[in-house]
C-alpha atoms as a PDB file:
ATOM      1  CA  UNK A   1     -23.719   3.033   8.813  1.00  0.00           C
ATOM      2  CA  UNK A   2     -21.585   3.966  11.805  1.00  0.00           C
ATOM      3  CA  UNK A   3     -18.430   5.990  11.145  1.00  0.00           C
ATOM      4  CA  UNK A   4     -15.435   5.309  13.368  1.00  0.00           C
ATOM      5  CA  UNK A   5     -12.567   7.624  14.220  1.00  0.00           C
ATOM      6  CA  UNK A   6      -9.753   5.125  14.702  1.00  0.00           C
ATOM      7  CA  UNK A   7      -7.956   2.886  12.239  1.00  0.00           C
ATOM      8  CA  UNK A   8      -8.633  -0.284  14.224  1.00  0.00           C
ATOM      9  CA  UNK A   9     -12.357   0.349  14.228  1.00  0.00           C
ATOM     10  CA  UNK A  10     -12.462   1.506  10.590  1.00  0.00           C
ATOM     11  CA  UNK A  11     -10.388  -1.223   8.985  1.00  0.00           C
ATOM     12  CA  UNK A  12     -11.113  -4.051  11.419  1.00  0.00           C
ATOM     13  CA  UNK A  13     -14.777  -3.455  12.150  1.00  0.00           C
ATOM     14  CA  UNK A  14     -16.830  -6.393  10.942  1.00  0.00           C
ATOM     15  CA  UNK A  15     -19.548  -3.945   9.954  1.00  0.00           C
ATOM     16  CA  UNK A  16     -17.309  -1.995   7.584  1.00  0.00           C
ATOM     17  CA  UNK A  17     -15.423  -4.954   6.136  1.00  0.00           C
ATOM     18  CA  UNK A  18     -18.510  -7.107   5.745  1.00  0.00           C
ATOM     19  CA  UNK A  19     -20.316  -4.273   3.972  1.00  0.00           C
ATOM     20  CA  UNK A  20     -17.588  -4.108   1.315  1.00  0.00           C
ATOM     21  CA  UNK A  21     -17.154  -7.886   1.133  1.00  0.00           C
ATOM     22  CA  UNK A  22     -20.883  -8.482   0.751  1.00  0.00           C
ATOM     23  CA  UNK A  23     -21.046  -5.859  -1.981  1.00  0.00           C
ATOM     24  CA  UNK A  24     -18.284  -7.655  -3.914  1.00  0.00           C
ATOM     25  CA  UNK A  25     -20.226 -10.898  -3.613  1.00  0.00           C
ATOM     26  CA  UNK A  26     -23.609  -9.400  -4.479  1.00  0.00           C
ATOM     27  CA  UNK A  27     -22.727  -7.062  -7.339  1.00  0.00           C
ATOM     28  CA  UNK A  28     -22.893  -8.430 -10.856  1.00  0.00           C
ATOM     29  CA  UNK A  29     -19.701  -9.457 -12.600  1.00  0.00           C
ATOM     30  CA  UNK A  30     -19.239  -6.160 -14.449  1.00  0.00           C
ATOM     31  CA  UNK A  31     -20.212  -3.926 -11.537  1.00  0.00           C
ATOM     32  CA  UNK A  32     -17.865  -5.778  -9.204  1.00  0.00           C
ATOM     33  CA  UNK A  33     -14.984  -5.328 -11.625  1.00  0.00           C
ATOM     34  CA  UNK A  34     -15.670  -1.603 -11.973  1.00  0.00           C
ATOM     35  CA  UNK A  35     -15.814  -1.260  -8.188  1.00  0.00           C
ATOM     36  CA  UNK A  36     -12.375  -2.848  -7.759  1.00  0.00           C
ATOM     37  CA  UNK A  37     -10.809  -1.087 -10.734  1.00  0.00           C
ATOM     38  CA  UNK A  38     -12.074   2.298  -9.561  1.00  0.00           C
ATOM     39  CA  UNK A  39     -10.619   1.702  -6.096  1.00  0.00           C
ATOM     40  CA  UNK A  40      -7.246   0.676  -7.523  1.00  0.00           C
ATOM     41  CA  UNK A  41      -7.297   3.553 -10.017  1.00  0.00           C
ATOM     42  CA  UNK A  42      -7.654   6.162  -7.266  1.00  0.00           C
ATOM     43  CA  UNK A  43      -4.302   5.177  -5.768  1.00  0.00           C
ATOM     44  CA  UNK A  44      -2.619   4.371  -9.086  1.00  0.00           C
ATOM     45  CA  UNK A  45      -0.850   7.742  -9.308  1.00  0.00           C
ATOM     46  CA  UNK A  46       1.251   6.666  -6.306  1.00  0.00           C
ATOM     47  CA  UNK A  47       2.732   3.958  -8.499  1.00  0.00           C
ATOM     48  CA  UNK A  48       3.004   6.207 -11.561  1.00  0.00           C
ATOM     49  CA  UNK A  49       4.956   8.929  -9.756  1.00  0.00           C
ATOM     50  CA  UNK A  50       7.224   6.400  -8.085  1.00  0.00           C
ATOM     51  CA  UNK A  51       7.998   4.808 -11.456  1.00  0.00           C
ATOM     52  CA  UNK A  52       8.934   8.182 -12.951  1.00  0.00           C
ATOM     53  CA  UNK A  53      11.571   8.652 -10.275  1.00  0.00           C
ATOM     54  CA  UNK A  54      12.763   5.045  -9.997  1.00  0.00           C
ATOM     55  CA  UNK A  55      13.693   3.735 -13.471  1.00  0.00           C
ATOM     56  CA  UNK A  56      12.999   0.141 -14.400  1.00  0.00           C
ATOM     57  CA  UNK A  57       9.346  -0.084 -13.393  1.00  0.00           C
ATOM     58  CA  UNK A  58       7.002  -0.787 -16.272  1.00  0.00           C
ATOM     59  CA  UNK A  59       3.610  -1.762 -14.873  1.00  0.00           C
ATOM     60  CA  UNK A  60       1.907   1.617 -14.514  1.00  0.00           C
ATOM     61  CA  UNK A  61       1.461   2.181 -18.246  1.00  0.00           C
ATOM     62  CA  UNK A  62       0.422  -1.381 -19.028  1.00  0.00           C
ATOM     63  CA  UNK A  63      -2.018  -1.335 -16.103  1.00  0.00           C
ATOM     64  CA  UNK A  64      -3.636   1.802 -17.476  1.00  0.00           C
ATOM     65  CA  UNK A  65      -3.955   0.132 -20.883  1.00  0.00           C
ATOM     66  CA  UNK A  66      -5.523  -2.903 -19.227  1.00  0.00           C
ATOM     67  CA  UNK A  67      -8.065  -0.812 -17.319  1.00  0.00           C
ATOM     68  CA  UNK A  68      -9.083   0.987 -20.498  1.00  0.00           C
ATOM     69  CA  UNK A  69      -9.500  -2.313 -22.350  1.00  0.00           C
ATOM     70  CA  UNK A  70     -11.531  -3.936 -19.565  1.00  0.00           C
ATOM     71  CA  UNK A  71     -13.853  -0.960 -19.171  1.00  0.00           C
ATOM     72  CA  UNK A  72     -14.363  -0.748 -22.935  1.00  0.00           C
ATOM     73  CA  UNK A  73     -15.387  -4.406 -22.925  1.00  0.00           C
ATOM     74  CA  UNK A  74     -17.642  -3.983 -19.902  1.00  0.00           C
ATOM     75  CA  UNK A  75     -19.339  -1.010 -21.534  1.00  0.00           C
ATOM     76  CA  UNK A  76     -19.800  -3.058 -24.722  1.00  0.00           C
ATOM     77  CA  UNK A  77     -18.101  -0.498 -26.929  1.00  0.00           C
ATOM     78  CA  UNK A  78     -17.483  -1.306 -30.621  1.00  0.00           C
ATOM     79  CA  UNK A  79     -14.684  -3.811 -31.308  1.00  0.00           C
ATOM     80  CA  UNK A  80     -14.121  -4.377 -27.585  1.00  0.00           C
ATOM     81  CA  UNK A  81     -13.915  -8.076 -26.708  1.00  0.00           C
ATOM     82  CA  UNK A  82     -12.981 -10.057 -23.631  1.00  0.00           C
ATOM     83  CA  UNK A  83     -10.111 -11.628 -25.559  1.00  0.00           C
ATOM     84  CA  UNK A  84      -8.577  -8.244 -26.374  1.00  0.00           C
ATOM     85  CA  UNK A  85      -8.985  -7.069 -22.799  1.00  0.00           C
ATOM     86  CA  UNK A  86      -7.571 -10.304 -21.441  1.00  0.00           C
ATOM     87  CA  UNK A  87      -4.365  -9.878 -23.447  1.00  0.00           C
ATOM     88  CA  UNK A  88      -3.887  -6.410 -21.971  1.00  0.00           C
ATOM     89  CA  UNK A  89      -4.623  -7.671 -18.466  1.00  0.00           C
ATOM     90  CA  UNK A  90      -2.205 -10.581 -18.710  1.00  0.00           C
ATOM     91  CA  UNK A  91       0.541  -8.263 -19.983  1.00  0.00           C
ATOM     92  CA  UNK A  92      -0.097  -5.862 -17.114  1.00  0.00           C
ATOM     93  CA  UNK A  93      -0.033  -8.650 -14.528  1.00  0.00           C
ATOM     94  CA  UNK A  94       3.370  -9.759 -15.820  1.00  0.00           C
ATOM     95  CA  UNK A  95       4.684  -6.203 -15.484  1.00  0.00           C
ATOM     96  CA  UNK A  96       3.185  -5.787 -12.028  1.00  0.00           C
ATOM     97  CA  UNK A  97       4.774  -9.048 -10.880  1.00  0.00           C
ATOM     98  CA  UNK A  98       8.088  -7.790 -12.272  1.00  0.00           C
ATOM     99  CA  UNK A  99       7.841  -4.443 -10.479  1.00  0.00           C
ATOM    100  CA  UNK A 100       6.683  -5.565  -7.049  1.00  0.00           C
ATOM    101  CA  UNK A 101       9.975  -7.130  -5.860  1.00  0.00           C
ATOM    102  CA  UNK A 102      11.948  -4.199  -7.302  1.00  0.00           C
ATOM    103  CA  UNK A 103      10.093  -1.929  -4.883  1.00  0.00           C
ATOM    104  CA  UNK A 104       9.644  -4.402  -2.048  1.00  0.00           C
ATOM    105  CA  UNK A 105      13.288  -5.441  -1.878  1.00  0.00           C
ATOM    106  CA  UNK A 106      14.920  -2.018  -2.121  1.00  0.00           C
ATOM    107  CA  UNK A 107      17.667  -1.526   0.428  1.00  0.00           C
ATOM    108  CA  UNK A 108      16.249   1.907   1.235  1.00  0.00           C
ATOM    109  CA  UNK A 109      12.640   1.006   1.974  1.00  0.00           C
ATOM    110  CA  UNK A 110      10.711   4.002   3.272  1.00  0.00           C
ATOM    111  CA  UNK A 111       7.194   5.432   3.122  1.00  0.00           C
ATOM    112  CA  UNK A 112       7.301   5.931  -0.663  1.00  0.00           C
ATOM    113  CA  UNK A 113       8.112   2.270  -1.175  1.00  0.00           C
ATOM    114  CA  UNK A 114       5.515   1.139   1.361  1.00  0.00           C
ATOM    115  CA  UNK A 115       2.615   2.967  -0.292  1.00  0.00           C
ATOM    116  CA  UNK A 116       3.791   1.936  -3.767  1.00  0.00           C
ATOM    117  CA  UNK A 117       3.791  -1.726  -2.757  1.00  0.00           C
ATOM    118  CA  UNK A 118       0.175  -1.367  -1.602  1.00  0.00           C
ATOM    119  CA  UNK A 119      -0.813   0.385  -4.852  1.00  0.00           C
ATOM    120  CA  UNK A 120       0.802  -2.306  -7.010  1.00  0.00           C
ATOM    121  CA  UNK A 121      -0.858  -5.042  -4.976  1.00  0.00           C
ATOM    122  CA  UNK A 122      -4.266  -3.391  -5.230  1.00  0.00           C
ATOM    123  CA  UNK A 123      -4.001  -3.067  -9.003  1.00  0.00           C
ATOM    124  CA  UNK A 124      -2.823  -6.670  -9.397  1.00  0.00           C
ATOM    125  CA  UNK A 125      -5.775  -7.926  -7.387  1.00  0.00           C
ATOM    126  CA  UNK A 126      -8.281  -5.753  -9.254  1.00  0.00           C
ATOM    127  CA  UNK A 127      -7.121  -7.036 -12.643  1.00  0.00           C
ATOM    128  CA  UNK A 128      -6.986 -10.609 -11.356  1.00  0.00           C
ATOM    129  CA  UNK A 129     -10.487 -10.247  -9.966  1.00  0.00           C
ATOM    130  CA  UNK A 130     -11.818  -9.351 -13.400  1.00  0.00           C
ATOM    131  CA  UNK A 131      -9.769 -12.019 -15.190  1.00  0.00           C
ATOM    132  CA  UNK A 132     -10.738 -14.842 -12.824  1.00  0.00           C
ATOM    133  CA  UNK A 133     -14.305 -13.704 -12.051  1.00  0.00           C
ATOM    134  CA  UNK A 134     -13.171 -13.553  -8.418  1.00  0.00           C
ATOM    135  CA  UNK A 135     -15.216 -11.648  -5.858  1.00  0.00           C
ATOM    136  CA  UNK A 136     -12.517 -12.335  -3.255  1.00  0.00           C
ATOM    137  CA  UNK A 137      -9.743 -10.788  -5.364  1.00  0.00           C
ATOM    138  CA  UNK A 138     -11.909  -7.733  -6.011  1.00  0.00           C
ATOM    139  CA  UNK A 139     -12.587  -7.396  -2.284  1.00  0.00           C
ATOM    140  CA  UNK A 140      -8.874  -7.644  -1.502  1.00  0.00           C
ATOM    141  CA  UNK A 141      -8.124  -5.030  -4.180  1.00  0.00           C
ATOM    142  CA  UNK A 142     -10.502  -2.586  -2.532  1.00  0.00           C
ATOM    143  CA  UNK A 143      -9.038  -3.237   0.897  1.00  0.00           C
ATOM    144  CA  UNK A 144      -5.554  -2.827  -0.562  1.00  0.00           C
ATOM    145  CA  UNK A 145      -6.484   0.604  -1.886  1.00  0.00           C
ATOM    146  CA  UNK A 146      -7.607   1.583   1.617  1.00  0.00           C
ATOM    147  CA  UNK A 147      -4.316   0.303   2.941  1.00  0.00           C
ATOM    148  CA  UNK A 148      -2.457   2.876   0.835  1.00  0.00           C
ATOM    149  CA  UNK A 149      -4.046   5.623   2.904  1.00  0.00           C
ATOM    150  CA  UNK A 150      -3.655   3.691   6.154  1.00  0.00           C
ATOM    151  CA  UNK A 151       0.091   3.222   5.594  1.00  0.00           C
ATOM    152  CA  UNK A 152       0.468   6.830   4.463  1.00  0.00           C
ATOM    153  CA  UNK A 153      -1.354   8.166   7.510  1.00  0.00           C
ATOM    154  CA  UNK A 154       0.858   6.169   9.833  1.00  0.00           C
ATOM    155  CA  UNK A 155       4.000   7.162   7.960  1.00  0.00           C
ATOM    156  CA  UNK A 156       3.471  10.915   8.219  1.00  0.00           C
ATOM    157  CA  UNK A 157       2.147  10.973  11.780  1.00  0.00           C
ATOM    158  CA  UNK A 158       4.346  12.621  14.370  1.00  0.00           C
ATOM    159  CA  UNK A 159       2.202  11.718  17.361  1.00  0.00           C
ATOM    160  CA  UNK A 160      -1.524  11.158  16.903  1.00  0.00           C
ATOM    161  CA  UNK A 161      -2.459   9.510  13.636  1.00  0.00           C
ATOM    162  CA  UNK A 162      -5.294  11.054  11.635  1.00  0.00           C
ATOM    163  CA  UNK A 163      -7.396   8.585   9.668  1.00  0.00           C
ATOM    164  CA  UNK A 164      -9.240  11.240   7.673  1.00  0.00           C
ATOM    165  CA  UNK A 165      -7.689  10.019   4.409  1.00  0.00           C
ATOM    166  CA  UNK A 166      -8.829   6.459   5.029  1.00  0.00           C
ATOM    167  CA  UNK A 167     -12.320   7.585   5.962  1.00  0.00           C
ATOM    168  CA  UNK A 168     -12.575   9.795   2.879  1.00  0.00           C
ATOM    169  CA  UNK A 169     -11.564   6.978   0.567  1.00  0.00           C
ATOM    170  CA  UNK A 170     -13.932   4.547   2.225  1.00  0.00           C
ATOM    171  CA  UNK A 171     -16.803   6.970   1.730  1.00  0.00           C
ATOM    172  CA  UNK A 172     -15.912   7.108  -1.956  1.00  0.00           C
ATOM    173  CA  UNK A 173     -16.105   3.331  -2.059  1.00  0.00           C
ATOM    174  CA  UNK A 174     -19.466   3.255  -0.295  1.00  0.00           C
ATOM    175  CA  UNK A 175     -20.790   5.816  -2.779  1.00  0.00           C
ATOM    176  CA  UNK A 176     -19.598   3.647  -5.686  1.00  0.00           C
ATOM    177  CA  UNK A 177     -21.327   0.606  -4.223  1.00  0.00           C
ATOM    178  CA  UNK A 178     -24.658   2.385  -4.018  1.00  0.00           C
ATOM    179  CA  UNK A 179     -24.387   3.640  -7.591  1.00  0.00           C
ATOM    180  CA  UNK A 180     -23.347   0.232  -8.906  1.00  0.00           C
ATOM    181  CA  UNK A 181     -26.287  -1.438  -7.200  1.00  0.00           C
ATOM    182  CA  UNK A 182     -28.515   0.638  -9.451  1.00  0.00           C
ATOM    183  CA  UNK A 183     -26.484  -0.053 -12.606  1.00  0.00           C
ATOM    184  CA  UNK A 184     -28.870  -2.213 -14.596  1.00  0.00           C
ATOM    185  CA  UNK A 185     -30.057  -2.394 -18.166  1.00  0.00           C
ATOM    186  CA  UNK A 186     -29.037   0.050 -20.853  1.00  0.00           C
ATOM    187  CA  UNK A 187     -28.017   2.688 -18.325  1.00  0.00           C
ATOM    188  CA  UNK A 188     -25.345   0.536 -16.696  1.00  0.00           C
ATOM    189  CA  UNK A 189     -22.644   1.542 -19.197  1.00  0.00           C
ATOM    190  CA  UNK A 190     -23.129   5.202 -18.292  1.00  0.00           C
ATOM    191  CA  UNK A 191     -22.778   4.402 -14.594  1.00  0.00           C
ATOM    192  CA  UNK A 192     -19.540   2.501 -15.268  1.00  0.00           C
ATOM    193  CA  UNK A 193     -18.143   5.389 -17.297  1.00  0.00           C
ATOM    194  CA  UNK A 194     -19.098   7.925 -14.634  1.00  0.00           C
ATOM    195  CA  UNK A 195     -17.470   5.959 -11.813  1.00  0.00           C
ATOM    196  CA  UNK A 196     -14.226   5.357 -13.695  1.00  0.00           C
ATOM    197  CA  UNK A 197     -13.979   8.972 -14.859  1.00  0.00           C
ATOM    198  CA  UNK A 198     -14.574  10.175 -11.330  1.00  0.00           C
ATOM    199  CA  UNK A 199     -11.920   7.796  -9.971  1.00  0.00           C
ATOM    200  CA  UNK A 200      -9.402   9.371 -12.345  1.00  0.00           C
ATOM    201  CA  UNK A 201     -10.186  12.802 -10.917  1.00  0.00           C
ATOM    202  CA  UNK A 202     -10.056  11.515  -7.364  1.00  0.00           C
ATOM    203  CA  UNK A 203      -6.498  10.300  -7.887  1.00  0.00           C
ATOM    204  CA  UNK A 204      -5.197  13.892  -7.956  1.00  0.00           C
ATOM    205  CA  UNK A 205      -4.532  14.183  -4.187  1.00  0.00           C
ATOM    206  CA  UNK A 206      -2.404  11.024  -4.438  1.00  0.00           C
ATOM    207  CA  UNK A 207      -0.514  12.479  -7.394  1.00  0.00           C
ATOM    208  CA  UNK A 208       0.269  15.716  -5.585  1.00  0.00           C
ATOM    209  CA  UNK A 209       1.070  13.953  -2.335  1.00  0.00           C
ATOM    210  CA  UNK A 210       3.384  11.430  -3.957  1.00  0.00           C
ATOM    211  CA  UNK A 211       5.247  14.095  -5.917  1.00  0.00           C
ATOM    212  CA  UNK A 212       5.862  15.937  -2.658  1.00  0.00           C
ATOM    213  CA  UNK A 213       6.866  12.725  -0.896  1.00  0.00           C
ATOM    214  CA  UNK A 214       9.376  11.809  -3.600  1.00  0.00           C
ATOM    215  CA  UNK A 215      10.919  15.279  -3.409  1.00  0.00           C
ATOM    216  CA  UNK A 216      11.729  14.714   0.245  1.00  0.00           C
END
């Protein structure tokens, strides 16, 4: 697959977008959900750090609980049911809907707010995609996660904008797609666990970057 240097080519190229969109349509229900949840999870620390500094936001914790419940169900762990996961997801979606306008409508809307809005939106779409069996919502969740890095790159650029962050995240997504395409049979649960655990580790640059951003 061709790699492009500029944002317009990377995020608007039919080749790149269609590759992700086709994957969301072709992957099985569980694999598609893991793909979207992993993408949203990588940028989730943006939202978590913002909520620690701006009181009144409540969706980061409930979203984490929802992810755990969904992945437990997908992995067919003991006592994990769709009904239990659905209750967690619905609670998280209520909290996310509550938080979004609190960030979006702040009088002082800067880069921290802009990236947090994208992170909240990505998580909402990922959870909705699982709840509604929606390939389109999962696709939009993944694109929303990429948008966190796109907005961030633009926001910190003095002159030329570097899209290295966007490219790095997209490569992570492509890697997940290839692994999920091979997630079949009894080994699928291990693939799901590996991808979600790795996504948690890959959120660390966002955590450090957001802490620094909020300090300034």
